[in-house]
Amino acid sequence: MHWVAYLGERHEQLDEDSQRRLKSNPLRILDSKNADTQALLVDAPKLADYLDEESRVHFEGLKTRLDAAGIPYVINTKLVRGLDYYSKTVFEWVTDQLGAQGTVCAGGRYDGLVEQMGGKATAGVGFAMGIERLILLLETLGKVPESIARTVDLYLCAFGEPAEVAALKLTEQVRDQSPELRLQVNAGGGSFKSQFKKADKSGALYALILGTTSWPAKW
């Protein structure tokens, strides 16, 4: 592989982590966060220039379909995934609205994975998406519909261990009998004040308080 030979000739200029990866997993060098290593990669041969015919035809077909669907994209010749079972195309959905943490979704093809695990040869593609980052992006862009802006109807506060245990049973009963009710239960204990702050932050319409007879009456 020409770019590996290119980096091998410049072995001493690589950072320590990339020197190790050059022997064990050279593709991960493309993802290096070291500025000097990235500078070396600017003039390195591009992997896309060494695709075999099957991979080239597949990639051109993918771009044709993206163009036909009107989906904009940028080809990143340094994009790598951390797992070896990926094949052909890998991808990321990124945004410039969340600062440095701009990757919303990432994945790729893994056509050989099912067969490697003993199954029939099966084409596959998948991705992972951070739900918290997706929600943050929607909020940042003002794309959260008013009808779903409130995600909690009822927040259950429990004080004392007996109440916390009882809350588990009560929670399941409420969810079974009223599945349309969005119920959130306080986790991790805490004082009356701290639990009510969480209840208020959740945006719930109501807070349900569960305590014991020994629970201090002073609020």
C-alpha atoms as a PDB file:
ATOM      1  CA  MET A   1       0.000   0.000   0.000  1.00  0.00           C
ATOM      2  CA  HIS A   2       1.702   3.156  -1.260  1.00  0.00           C
ATOM      3  CA  TRP A   3       0.653   5.492   1.519  1.00  0.00           C
ATOM      4  CA  VAL A   4       1.902   3.042   4.174  1.00  0.00           C
ATOM      5  CA  ALA A   5       5.273   2.973   2.413  1.00  0.00           C
ATOM      6  CA  TYR A   6       5.150   6.780   2.299  1.00  0.00           C
ATOM      7  CA  LEU A   7       4.651   6.973   6.056  1.00  0.00           C
ATOM      8  CA  GLY A   8       7.194   4.214   6.680  1.00  0.00           C
ATOM      9  CA  GLU A   9       9.844   6.345   5.043  1.00  0.00           C
ATOM     10  CA  ARG A  10       8.887   9.135   7.450  1.00  0.00           C
ATOM     11  CA  HIS A  11       8.593   6.901  10.499  1.00  0.00           C
ATOM     12  CA  GLU A  12      10.684   9.141  12.741  1.00  0.00           C
ATOM     13  CA  GLN A  13       8.451  12.131  12.027  1.00  0.00           C
ATOM     14  CA  LEU A  14       5.310  10.369  13.259  1.00  0.00           C
ATOM     15  CA  ASP A  15       4.049  10.745  16.808  1.00  0.00           C
ATOM     16  CA  GLU A  16       4.608   7.780  19.140  1.00  0.00           C
ATOM     17  CA  ASP A  17       1.056   6.477  18.848  1.00  0.00           C
ATOM     18  CA  SER A  18       1.159   6.569  15.030  1.00  0.00           C
ATOM     19  CA  GLN A  19       4.515   4.779  14.989  1.00  0.00           C
ATOM     20  CA  ARG A  20       2.894   1.924  16.904  1.00  0.00           C
ATOM     21  CA  ARG A  21      -0.145   1.904  14.619  1.00  0.00           C
ATOM     22  CA  LEU A  22       2.019   1.780  11.506  1.00  0.00           C
ATOM     23  CA  LYS A  23       2.677  -1.896  12.298  1.00  0.00           C
ATOM     24  CA  SER A  24      -0.571  -2.923  13.975  1.00  0.00           C
ATOM     25  CA  ASN A  25      -3.367  -0.858  12.394  1.00  0.00           C
ATOM     26  CA  PRO A  26      -2.060   1.699   9.872  1.00  0.00           C
ATOM     27  CA  LEU A  27      -5.504   2.966   8.818  1.00  0.00           C
ATOM     28  CA  ARG A  28      -5.981   4.524  12.263  1.00  0.00           C
ATOM     29  CA  ILE A  29      -3.099   6.909  11.528  1.00  0.00           C
ATOM     30  CA  LEU A  30      -5.482   8.743   9.207  1.00  0.00           C
ATOM     31  CA  ASP A  31      -7.557   9.598  12.282  1.00  0.00           C
ATOM     32  CA  SER A  32      -4.630  10.949  14.276  1.00  0.00           C
ATOM     33  CA  LYS A  33      -5.263  14.126  16.249  1.00  0.00           C
ATOM     34  CA  ASN A  34      -1.568  15.042  16.163  1.00  0.00           C
ATOM     35  CA  ALA A  35      -1.074  18.168  14.044  1.00  0.00           C
ATOM     36  CA  ASP A  36       2.406  17.145  12.803  1.00  0.00           C
ATOM     37  CA  THR A  37       1.149  13.727  11.701  1.00  0.00           C
ATOM     38  CA  GLN A  38      -1.798  15.318   9.900  1.00  0.00           C
ATOM     39  CA  ALA A  39       0.647  17.631   8.121  1.00  0.00           C
ATOM     40  CA  LEU A  40       2.527  14.570   6.815  1.00  0.00           C
ATOM     41  CA  LEU A  41      -0.718  13.112   5.502  1.00  0.00           C
ATOM     42  CA  VAL A  42      -1.414  16.138   3.312  1.00  0.00           C
ATOM     43  CA  ASP A  43       1.032  14.943   0.657  1.00  0.00           C
ATOM     44  CA  ALA A  44       0.513  11.219   1.263  1.00  0.00           C
ATOM     45  CA  PRO A  45      -1.048   9.104  -1.531  1.00  0.00           C
ATOM     46  CA  LYS A  46      -4.842   8.889  -1.231  1.00  0.00           C
ATOM     47  CA  LEU A  47      -6.536   5.528  -0.598  1.00  0.00           C
ATOM     48  CA  ALA A  48      -9.219   6.427  -3.138  1.00  0.00           C
ATOM     49  CA  ASP A  49      -6.574   6.347  -5.876  1.00  0.00           C
ATOM     50  CA  TYR A  50      -5.897   2.647  -5.228  1.00  0.00           C
ATOM     51  CA  LEU A  51      -9.389   1.142  -5.224  1.00  0.00           C
ATOM     52  CA  ASP A  52      -9.854  -2.083  -7.158  1.00  0.00           C
ATOM     53  CA  GLU A  53     -12.401  -2.081  -9.976  1.00  0.00           C
ATOM     54  CA  GLU A  54     -15.224  -3.607  -7.924  1.00  0.00           C
ATOM     55  CA  SER A  55     -14.811  -1.052  -5.126  1.00  0.00           C
ATOM     56  CA  ARG A  56     -14.525   1.832  -7.586  1.00  0.00           C
ATOM     57  CA  VAL A  57     -17.745   0.831  -9.400  1.00  0.00           C
ATOM     58  CA  HIS A  58     -19.550   0.408  -6.067  1.00  0.00           C
ATOM     59  CA  PHE A  59     -18.445   3.825  -4.831  1.00  0.00           C
ATOM     60  CA  GLU A  60     -19.408   5.539  -8.076  1.00  0.00           C
ATOM     61  CA  GLY A  61     -22.822   3.876  -7.840  1.00  0.00           C
ATOM     62  CA  LEU A  62     -23.264   5.145  -4.284  1.00  0.00           C
ATOM     63  CA  LYS A  63     -22.426   8.709  -5.326  1.00  0.00           C
ATOM     64  CA  THR A  64     -24.862   8.477  -8.234  1.00  0.00           C
ATOM     65  CA  ARG A  65     -27.659   7.477  -5.866  1.00  0.00           C
ATOM     66  CA  LEU A  66     -26.823  10.238  -3.405  1.00  0.00           C
ATOM     67  CA  ASP A  67     -26.808  12.797  -6.214  1.00  0.00           C
ATOM     68  CA  ALA A  68     -30.131  11.508  -7.540  1.00  0.00           C
ATOM     69  CA  ALA A  69     -31.658  11.814  -4.062  1.00  0.00           C
ATOM     70  CA  GLY A  70     -30.332  15.351  -3.667  1.00  0.00           C
ATOM     71  CA  ILE A  71     -28.253  14.450  -0.617  1.00  0.00           C
ATOM     72  CA  PRO A  72     -25.138  16.654  -0.316  1.00  0.00           C
ATOM     73  CA  TYR A  73     -21.906  14.994   0.780  1.00  0.00           C
ATOM     74  CA  VAL A  74     -18.185  15.598   1.105  1.00  0.00           C
ATOM     75  CA  ILE A  75     -15.678  12.838   0.370  1.00  0.00           C
ATOM     76  CA  ASN A  76     -13.279  12.472   3.297  1.00  0.00           C
ATOM     77  CA  THR A  77     -10.310  10.352   2.260  1.00  0.00           C
ATOM     78  CA  LYS A  78      -9.087  10.190   5.879  1.00  0.00           C
ATOM     79  CA  LEU A  79     -12.302   8.865   7.429  1.00  0.00           C
ATOM     80  CA  VAL A  80     -11.827   5.560   9.273  1.00  0.00           C
ATOM     81  CA  ARG A  81     -13.915   3.485  11.652  1.00  0.00           C
ATOM     82  CA  GLY A  82     -12.499   1.768  14.699  1.00  0.00           C
ATOM     83  CA  LEU A  83     -13.764  -1.762  13.948  1.00  0.00           C
ATOM     84  CA  ASP A  84     -12.135  -4.084  11.423  1.00  0.00           C
ATOM     85  CA  TYR A  85     -15.339  -5.629  10.079  1.00  0.00           C
ATOM     86  CA  TYR A  86     -16.357  -2.540   8.109  1.00  0.00           C
ATOM     87  CA  SER A  87     -16.093  -2.888   4.324  1.00  0.00           C
ATOM     88  CA  LYS A  88     -16.440  -0.566   1.340  1.00  0.00           C
ATOM     89  CA  THR A  89     -18.025   2.720   2.451  1.00  0.00           C
ATOM     90  CA  VAL A  90     -17.926   4.303   5.906  1.00  0.00           C
ATOM     91  CA  PHE A  91     -19.671   7.573   6.691  1.00  0.00           C
ATOM     92  CA  GLU A  92     -20.422  10.262   9.237  1.00  0.00           C
ATOM     93  CA  TRP A  93     -23.214  12.807   9.520  1.00  0.00           C
ATOM     94  CA  VAL A  94     -21.695  15.982  10.925  1.00  0.00           C
ATOM     95  CA  THR A  95     -22.853  19.447  11.884  1.00  0.00           C
ATOM     96  CA  ASP A  96     -21.080  22.752  12.478  1.00  0.00           C
ATOM     97  CA  GLN A  97     -23.685  23.795  15.069  1.00  0.00           C
ATOM     98  CA  LEU A  98     -22.299  21.894  18.073  1.00  0.00           C
ATOM     99  CA  GLY A  99     -18.686  22.999  18.228  1.00  0.00           C
ATOM    100  CA  ALA A 100     -15.962  20.334  18.275  1.00  0.00           C
ATOM    101  CA  GLN A 101     -18.444  17.530  18.999  1.00  0.00           C
ATOM    102  CA  GLY A 102     -19.998  17.745  15.549  1.00  0.00           C
ATOM    103  CA  THR A 103     -20.488  14.064  14.667  1.00  0.00           C
ATOM    104  CA  VAL A 104     -24.167  13.187  15.017  1.00  0.00           C
ATOM    105  CA  CYS A 105     -24.173   9.759  13.369  1.00  0.00           C
ATOM    106  CA  ALA A 106     -21.468   7.399  12.106  1.00  0.00           C
ATOM    107  CA  GLY A 107     -21.389   3.955  10.524  1.00  0.00           C
ATOM    108  CA  GLY A 108     -20.701   2.017   7.361  1.00  0.00           C
ATOM    109  CA  ARG A 109     -21.071  -1.239   5.464  1.00  0.00           C
ATOM    110  CA  TYR A 110     -20.143  -4.634   6.924  1.00  0.00           C
ATOM    111  CA  ASP A 111     -20.990  -7.081   4.172  1.00  0.00           C
ATOM    112  CA  GLY A 112     -18.810  -9.864   5.576  1.00  0.00           C
ATOM    113  CA  LEU A 113     -19.763  -9.681   9.241  1.00  0.00           C
ATOM    114  CA  VAL A 114     -22.703 -12.136   9.284  1.00  0.00           C
ATOM    115  CA  GLU A 115     -20.682 -14.724   7.377  1.00  0.00           C
ATOM    116  CA  GLN A 116     -17.718 -14.278   9.745  1.00  0.00           C
ATOM    117  CA  MET A 117     -20.065 -15.121  12.615  1.00  0.00           C
ATOM    118  CA  GLY A 118     -21.187 -18.361  10.956  1.00  0.00           C
ATOM    119  CA  GLY A 119     -24.235 -17.164   9.034  1.00  0.00           C
ATOM    120  CA  LYS A 120     -24.993 -16.872   5.357  1.00  0.00           C
ATOM    121  CA  ALA A 121     -23.282 -14.196   3.300  1.00  0.00           C
ATOM    122  CA  THR A 122     -25.440 -11.135   3.942  1.00  0.00           C
ATOM    123  CA  ALA A 123     -24.980  -7.534   2.876  1.00  0.00           C
ATOM    124  CA  GLY A 124     -25.251  -5.153   5.789  1.00  0.00           C
ATOM    125  CA  VAL A 125     -25.054  -1.501   6.741  1.00  0.00           C
ATOM    126  CA  GLY A 126     -25.526   0.180  10.090  1.00  0.00           C
ATOM    127  CA  PHE A 127     -24.786   3.198  12.209  1.00  0.00           C
ATOM    128  CA  ALA A 128     -24.723   4.523  15.752  1.00  0.00           C
ATOM    129  CA  MET A 129     -26.364   7.797  16.725  1.00  0.00           C
ATOM    130  CA  GLY A 130     -26.055   9.700  19.998  1.00  0.00           C
ATOM    131  CA  ILE A 131     -29.603  10.525  21.069  1.00  0.00           C
ATOM    132  CA  GLU A 132     -28.464  13.279  23.453  1.00  0.00           C
ATOM    133  CA  ARG A 133     -26.428  14.947  20.713  1.00  0.00           C
ATOM    134  CA  LEU A 134     -29.328  14.644  18.279  1.00  0.00           C
ATOM    135  CA  ILE A 135     -31.706  16.283  20.764  1.00  0.00           C
ATOM    136  CA  LEU A 136     -29.143  19.034  21.432  1.00  0.00           C
ATOM    137  CA  LEU A 137     -28.876  19.666  17.697  1.00  0.00           C
ATOM    138  CA  LEU A 138     -32.662  19.884  17.322  1.00  0.00           C
ATOM    139  CA  GLU A 139     -32.836  22.318  20.224  1.00  0.00           C
ATOM    140  CA  THR A 140     -29.950  24.389  18.848  1.00  0.00           C
ATOM    141  CA  LEU A 141     -31.631  24.657  15.462  1.00  0.00           C
ATOM    142  CA  GLY A 142     -35.045  25.334  16.984  1.00  0.00           C
ATOM    143  CA  LYS A 143     -36.492  22.222  15.338  1.00  0.00           C
ATOM    144  CA  VAL A 144     -38.244  20.699  18.361  1.00  0.00           C
ATOM    145  CA  PRO A 145     -41.998  20.708  17.620  1.00  0.00           C
ATOM    146  CA  GLU A 146     -44.090  22.347  20.321  1.00  0.00           C
ATOM    147  CA  SER A 147     -46.205  19.211  20.579  1.00  0.00           C
ATOM    148  CA  ILE A 148     -43.252  17.164  21.827  1.00  0.00           C
ATOM    149  CA  ALA A 149     -41.275  19.857  23.624  1.00  0.00           C
ATOM    150  CA  ARG A 150     -42.523  18.467  26.933  1.00  0.00           C
ATOM    151  CA  THR A 151     -41.323  14.894  27.396  1.00  0.00           C
ATOM    152  CA  VAL A 152     -42.427  14.302  31.008  1.00  0.00           C
ATOM    153  CA  ASP A 153     -45.965  14.495  32.412  1.00  0.00           C
ATOM    154  CA  LEU A 154     -45.296  13.225  35.935  1.00  0.00           C
ATOM    155  CA  TYR A 155     -42.088  13.213  38.004  1.00  0.00           C
ATOM    156  CA  LEU A 156     -41.968  10.849  40.979  1.00  0.00           C
ATOM    157  CA  CYS A 157     -39.938  11.937  44.018  1.00  0.00           C
ATOM    158  CA  ALA A 158     -39.227   9.316  46.697  1.00  0.00           C
ATOM    159  CA  PHE A 159     -37.743  10.075  50.114  1.00  0.00           C
ATOM    160  CA  GLY A 160     -36.174   7.344  52.228  1.00  0.00           C
ATOM    161  CA  GLU A 161     -35.284   3.786  51.309  1.00  0.00           C
ATOM    162  CA  PRO A 162     -38.767   2.286  51.979  1.00  0.00           C
ATOM    163  CA  ALA A 163     -40.312   4.926  49.723  1.00  0.00           C
ATOM    164  CA  GLU A 164     -37.700   4.336  47.016  1.00  0.00           C
ATOM    165  CA  VAL A 165     -38.477   0.599  47.023  1.00  0.00           C
ATOM    166  CA  ALA A 166     -42.220   1.280  46.931  1.00  0.00           C
ATOM    167  CA  ALA A 167     -41.680   3.743  44.098  1.00  0.00           C
ATOM    168  CA  LEU A 168     -40.344   0.957  41.852  1.00  0.00           C
ATOM    169  CA  LYS A 169     -43.572  -1.016  42.218  1.00  0.00           C
ATOM    170  CA  LEU A 170     -45.766   2.056  41.906  1.00  0.00           C
ATOM    171  CA  THR A 171     -43.960   3.135  38.763  1.00  0.00           C
ATOM    172  CA  GLU A 172     -44.673  -0.136  36.974  1.00  0.00           C
ATOM    173  CA  GLN A 173     -48.306  -0.062  38.072  1.00  0.00           C
ATOM    174  CA  VAL A 174     -48.778   3.466  36.725  1.00  0.00           C
ATOM    175  CA  ARG A 175     -47.071   2.645  33.418  1.00  0.00           C
ATOM    176  CA  ASP A 176     -49.153  -0.523  32.991  1.00  0.00           C
ATOM    177  CA  GLN A 177     -52.447   1.220  33.722  1.00  0.00           C
ATOM    178  CA  SER A 178     -51.684   4.503  31.924  1.00  0.00           C
ATOM    179  CA  PRO A 179     -49.152   3.773  29.144  1.00  0.00           C
ATOM    180  CA  GLU A 180     -49.825   7.172  27.556  1.00  0.00           C
ATOM    181  CA  LEU A 181     -48.561   8.912  30.708  1.00  0.00           C
ATOM    182  CA  ARG A 182     -44.915   9.949  30.484  1.00  0.00           C
ATOM    183  CA  LEU A 183     -43.529   9.176  33.918  1.00  0.00           C
ATOM    184  CA  GLN A 184     -39.985   9.876  35.106  1.00  0.00           C
ATOM    185  CA  VAL A 185     -38.662   8.583  38.428  1.00  0.00           C
ATOM    186  CA  ASN A 186     -35.979  10.344  40.416  1.00  0.00           C
ATOM    187  CA  ALA A 187     -32.735   8.365  40.514  1.00  0.00           C
ATOM    188  CA  GLY A 188     -29.982   8.585  43.099  1.00  0.00           C
ATOM    189  CA  GLY A 189     -31.957   9.851  46.092  1.00  0.00           C
ATOM    190  CA  GLY A 190     -31.321  13.374  47.306  1.00  0.00           C
ATOM    191  CA  SER A 191     -32.968  15.978  49.505  1.00  0.00           C
ATOM    192  CA  PHE A 192     -36.446  17.348  48.986  1.00  0.00           C
ATOM    193  CA  LYS A 193     -34.954  20.500  47.452  1.00  0.00           C
ATOM    194  CA  SER A 194     -32.652  18.688  45.029  1.00  0.00           C
ATOM    195  CA  GLN A 195     -35.351  16.271  43.859  1.00  0.00           C
ATOM    196  CA  PHE A 196     -37.794  19.093  43.283  1.00  0.00           C
ATOM    197  CA  LYS A 197     -35.173  20.956  41.276  1.00  0.00           C
ATOM    198  CA  LYS A 198     -34.859  17.882  39.056  1.00  0.00           C
ATOM    199  CA  ALA A 199     -38.625  17.637  38.781  1.00  0.00           C
ATOM    200  CA  ASP A 200     -38.828  21.268  37.730  1.00  0.00           C
ATOM    201  CA  LYS A 201     -35.985  20.870  35.224  1.00  0.00           C
ATOM    202  CA  SER A 202     -37.721  17.863  33.646  1.00  0.00           C
ATOM    203  CA  GLY A 203     -40.620  20.087  32.597  1.00  0.00           C
ATOM    204  CA  ALA A 204     -43.191  17.746  34.174  1.00  0.00           C
ATOM    205  CA  LEU A 205     -46.696  19.060  34.735  1.00  0.00           C
ATOM    206  CA  TYR A 206     -46.940  17.357  38.144  1.00  0.00           C
ATOM    207  CA  ALA A 207     -44.641  15.971  40.833  1.00  0.00           C
ATOM    208  CA  LEU A 208     -45.740  12.927  42.825  1.00  0.00           C
ATOM    209  CA  ILE A 209     -44.224  12.803  46.331  1.00  0.00           C
ATOM    210  CA  LEU A 210     -43.717   9.461  48.056  1.00  0.00           C
ATOM    211  CA  GLY A 211     -42.344   9.339  51.605  1.00  0.00           C
ATOM    212  CA  THR A 212     -42.610   7.512  54.920  1.00  0.00           C
ATOM    213  CA  THR A 213     -44.168   8.434  58.263  1.00  0.00           C
ATOM    214  CA  SER A 214     -40.662   9.124  59.592  1.00  0.00           C
ATOM    215  CA  TRP A 215     -39.883  11.523  56.785  1.00  0.00           C
ATOM    216  CA  PRO A 216     -39.036  14.958  58.280  1.00  0.00           C
ATOM    217  CA  ALA A 217     -41.965  17.347  57.961  1.00  0.00           C
ATOM    218  CA  LYS A 218     -39.660  20.402  57.647  1.00  0.00           C
ATOM    219  CA  TRP A 219     -39.226  21.275  53.972  1.00  0.00           C
END
